[in-house]
Amino acid sequence: MSEIGSAFCPNENCKDYGLRNHGNITVRGKYGKDKTRDLLYCKTCGKRFASTRGTAFFGLHISDETIGQIIHHAAEGVGPDGHFKMPHLWPGQNAPPPYGCPIEKHARG
């Protein structure tokens, strides 16, 4: 789900902090339950970070497919409450997680 060209080093002490397309970011490995998410690496300062760092998706424990479905539904005008009525977004559960829609959780901070 990551695009290395749009990634930047999140380390404020790095001389390349915040610079996109600077050539300092590479994929260092994979992480997550299924090892499907990119672990990025800054060649300038040596820090590793999640490809979703600095996004609303950082720290979510849902699949990229579910994230894509939520974004698709949001683009069609389905609000957070509507996601509760879509059981295909919550496979193996009778209801969504108790904290509500993951995107709504991040939007509230």
C-alpha atoms as a PDB file:
ATOM      1  CA  MET A   1       0.000   0.000   0.000  1.00  0.00           C
ATOM      2  CA  SER A   2       2.978   2.288   0.180  1.00  0.00           C
ATOM      3  CA  GLU A   3       4.559   4.361  -2.540  1.00  0.00           C
ATOM      4  CA  ILE A   4       8.220   4.951  -1.811  1.00  0.00           C
ATOM      5  CA  GLY A   5       8.307   8.066  -3.989  1.00  0.00           C
ATOM      6  CA  SER A   6       5.843   9.822  -1.704  1.00  0.00           C
ATOM      7  CA  ALA A   7       7.489   8.637   1.524  1.00  0.00           C
ATOM      8  CA  PHE A   8       9.773  10.851   3.586  1.00  0.00           C
ATOM      9  CA  CYS A   9      11.850  10.447   6.725  1.00  0.00           C
ATOM     10  CA  PRO A  10       9.733  11.229   9.807  1.00  0.00           C
ATOM     11  CA  ASN A  11      12.816  11.752  12.005  1.00  0.00           C
ATOM     12  CA  GLU A  12      12.963  15.475  12.781  1.00  0.00           C
ATOM     13  CA  ASN A  13      16.706  15.180  13.513  1.00  0.00           C
ATOM     14  CA  CYS A  14      17.471  13.822  10.032  1.00  0.00           C
ATOM     15  CA  LYS A  15      18.949  16.258   7.505  1.00  0.00           C
ATOM     16  CA  ASP A  16      16.538  14.797   4.915  1.00  0.00           C
ATOM     17  CA  TYR A  17      13.472  15.124   7.183  1.00  0.00           C
ATOM     18  CA  GLY A  18      10.322  15.757   5.183  1.00  0.00           C
ATOM     19  CA  LEU A  19      11.976  15.580   1.755  1.00  0.00           C
ATOM     20  CA  ARG A  20      10.047  13.515  -0.778  1.00  0.00           C
ATOM     21  CA  ASN A  21      11.637  11.841  -3.816  1.00  0.00           C
ATOM     22  CA  HIS A  22      15.092  12.486  -2.404  1.00  0.00           C
ATOM     23  CA  GLY A  23      16.357   8.915  -2.862  1.00  0.00           C
ATOM     24  CA  ASN A  24      16.989   8.316   0.829  1.00  0.00           C
ATOM     25  CA  ILE A  25      14.005   6.008   1.490  1.00  0.00           C
ATOM     26  CA  THR A  26      14.148   2.291   0.710  1.00  0.00           C
ATOM     27  CA  VAL A  27      12.132  -0.787   1.676  1.00  0.00           C
ATOM     28  CA  ARG A  28      13.994  -2.543   4.492  1.00  0.00           C
ATOM     29  CA  GLY A  29      11.589  -5.438   4.990  1.00  0.00           C
ATOM     30  CA  LYS A  30       8.003  -6.413   5.681  1.00  0.00           C
ATOM     31  CA  TYR A  31       6.003  -6.396   8.887  1.00  0.00           C
ATOM     32  CA  GLY A  32       2.513  -7.156  10.148  1.00  0.00           C
ATOM     33  CA  LYS A  33       0.593 -10.340  10.764  1.00  0.00           C
ATOM     34  CA  ASP A  34       0.952 -11.503   7.168  1.00  0.00           C
ATOM     35  CA  LYS A  35       4.214  -9.622   6.480  1.00  0.00           C
ATOM     36  CA  THR A  36       2.475  -7.587   3.785  1.00  0.00           C
ATOM     37  CA  ARG A  37       3.248  -4.050   4.949  1.00  0.00           C
ATOM     38  CA  ASP A  38       6.451  -2.267   4.001  1.00  0.00           C
ATOM     39  CA  LEU A  39       9.027  -1.341   6.606  1.00  0.00           C
ATOM     40  CA  LEU A  40      10.838   1.679   5.230  1.00  0.00           C
ATOM     41  CA  TYR A  41      14.384   2.815   5.977  1.00  0.00           C
ATOM     42  CA  CYS A  42      16.062   6.192   5.711  1.00  0.00           C
ATOM     43  CA  LYS A  43      19.585   5.805   4.314  1.00  0.00           C
ATOM     44  CA  THR A  44      20.547   9.209   5.708  1.00  0.00           C
ATOM     45  CA  CYS A  45      19.827   8.711   9.418  1.00  0.00           C
ATOM     46  CA  GLY A  46      19.287   4.934   9.616  1.00  0.00           C
ATOM     47  CA  LYS A  47      15.791   5.087  11.128  1.00  0.00           C
ATOM     48  CA  ARG A  48      13.204   2.460  10.225  1.00  0.00           C
ATOM     49  CA  PHE A  49       9.506   3.298  10.096  1.00  0.00           C
ATOM     50  CA  ALA A  50       6.174   1.940   8.933  1.00  0.00           C
ATOM     51  CA  SER A  51       5.013   2.857   5.456  1.00  0.00           C
ATOM     52  CA  THR A  52       1.778   4.101   7.026  1.00  0.00           C
ATOM     53  CA  ARG A  53       3.546   6.393   9.511  1.00  0.00           C
ATOM     54  CA  GLY A  54       1.989   9.846   9.486  1.00  0.00           C
ATOM     55  CA  THR A  55      -1.259   8.630   7.919  1.00  0.00           C
ATOM     56  CA  ALA A  56      -4.703   7.847   9.307  1.00  0.00           C
ATOM     57  CA  PHE A  57      -3.910   4.164   8.717  1.00  0.00           C
ATOM     58  CA  PHE A  58      -0.916   3.954  11.069  1.00  0.00           C
ATOM     59  CA  GLY A  59      -1.497   1.407  13.817  1.00  0.00           C
ATOM     60  CA  LEU A  60      -4.728   0.001  12.394  1.00  0.00           C
ATOM     61  CA  HIS A  61      -5.055  -3.741  12.700  1.00  0.00           C
ATOM     62  CA  ILE A  62      -7.180  -4.242   9.614  1.00  0.00           C
ATOM     63  CA  SER A  63      -6.245  -5.439   6.159  1.00  0.00           C
ATOM     64  CA  ASP A  64      -5.387  -3.222   3.219  1.00  0.00           C
ATOM     65  CA  GLU A  65      -8.466  -4.661   1.506  1.00  0.00           C
ATOM     66  CA  THR A  66     -10.731  -3.452   4.333  1.00  0.00           C
ATOM     67  CA  ILE A  67      -9.082  -0.030   4.278  1.00  0.00           C
ATOM     68  CA  GLY A  68      -9.720   0.123   0.529  1.00  0.00           C
ATOM     69  CA  GLN A  69     -13.378  -0.794   1.028  1.00  0.00           C
ATOM     70  CA  ILE A  70     -13.830   1.879   3.699  1.00  0.00           C
ATOM     71  CA  ILE A  71     -12.249   4.502   1.433  1.00  0.00           C
ATOM     72  CA  HIS A  72     -14.450   3.378  -1.457  1.00  0.00           C
ATOM     73  CA  HIS A  73     -17.604   3.619   0.675  1.00  0.00           C
ATOM     74  CA  ALA A  74     -16.549   7.026   2.023  1.00  0.00           C
ATOM     75  CA  ALA A  75     -16.073   8.267  -1.550  1.00  0.00           C
ATOM     76  CA  GLU A  76     -19.628   7.146  -2.267  1.00  0.00           C
ATOM     77  CA  GLY A  77     -20.903   9.160   0.694  1.00  0.00           C
ATOM     78  CA  VAL A  78     -21.281   6.379   3.260  1.00  0.00           C
ATOM     79  CA  GLY A  79     -20.411   7.863   6.661  1.00  0.00           C
ATOM     80  CA  PRO A  80     -18.839   6.071   9.654  1.00  0.00           C
ATOM     81  CA  ASP A  81     -22.243   4.955  10.949  1.00  0.00           C
ATOM     82  CA  GLY A  82     -22.927   3.242   7.630  1.00  0.00           C
ATOM     83  CA  HIS A  83     -19.854   1.035   8.038  1.00  0.00           C
ATOM     84  CA  PHE A  84     -21.461  -0.578  11.078  1.00  0.00           C
ATOM     85  CA  LYS A  85     -24.181  -1.901   8.790  1.00  0.00           C
ATOM     86  CA  MET A  86     -21.680  -3.552   6.418  1.00  0.00           C
ATOM     87  CA  PRO A  87     -20.802  -6.922   7.950  1.00  0.00           C
ATOM     88  CA  HIS A  88     -18.409  -7.793   5.096  1.00  0.00           C
ATOM     89  CA  LEU A  89     -16.006  -5.195   6.586  1.00  0.00           C
ATOM     90  CA  TRP A  90     -15.859  -7.134   9.856  1.00  0.00           C
ATOM     91  CA  PRO A  91     -15.320 -10.802   8.844  1.00  0.00           C
ATOM     92  CA  GLY A  92     -15.561 -13.307  11.670  1.00  0.00           C
ATOM     93  CA  GLN A  93     -17.243 -10.806  13.982  1.00  0.00           C
ATOM     94  CA  ASN A  94     -20.900 -10.189  14.736  1.00  0.00           C
ATOM     95  CA  ALA A  95     -20.260  -6.465  14.934  1.00  0.00           C
ATOM     96  CA  PRO A  96     -17.483  -3.978  14.321  1.00  0.00           C
ATOM     97  CA  PRO A  97     -14.838  -3.510  17.003  1.00  0.00           C
ATOM     98  CA  PRO A  98     -16.159  -1.838  20.179  1.00  0.00           C
ATOM     99  CA  TYR A  99     -14.304   1.412  19.492  1.00  0.00           C
ATOM    100  CA  GLY A 100     -16.245   1.963  16.287  1.00  0.00           C
ATOM    101  CA  CYS A 101     -15.085   2.485  12.747  1.00  0.00           C
ATOM    102  CA  PRO A 102     -11.265   2.554  12.605  1.00  0.00           C
ATOM    103  CA  ILE A 103     -11.169   5.592  10.337  1.00  0.00           C
ATOM    104  CA  GLU A 104     -13.576   7.439  12.633  1.00  0.00           C
ATOM    105  CA  LYS A 105     -11.305   6.628  15.596  1.00  0.00           C
ATOM    106  CA  HIS A 106      -8.306   8.224  13.870  1.00  0.00           C
ATOM    107  CA  ALA A 107     -10.308  11.196  12.639  1.00  0.00           C
ATOM    108  CA  ARG A 108     -11.241  12.048  16.214  1.00  0.00           C
ATOM    109  CA  GLY A 109      -7.617  11.791  17.363  1.00  0.00           C
END
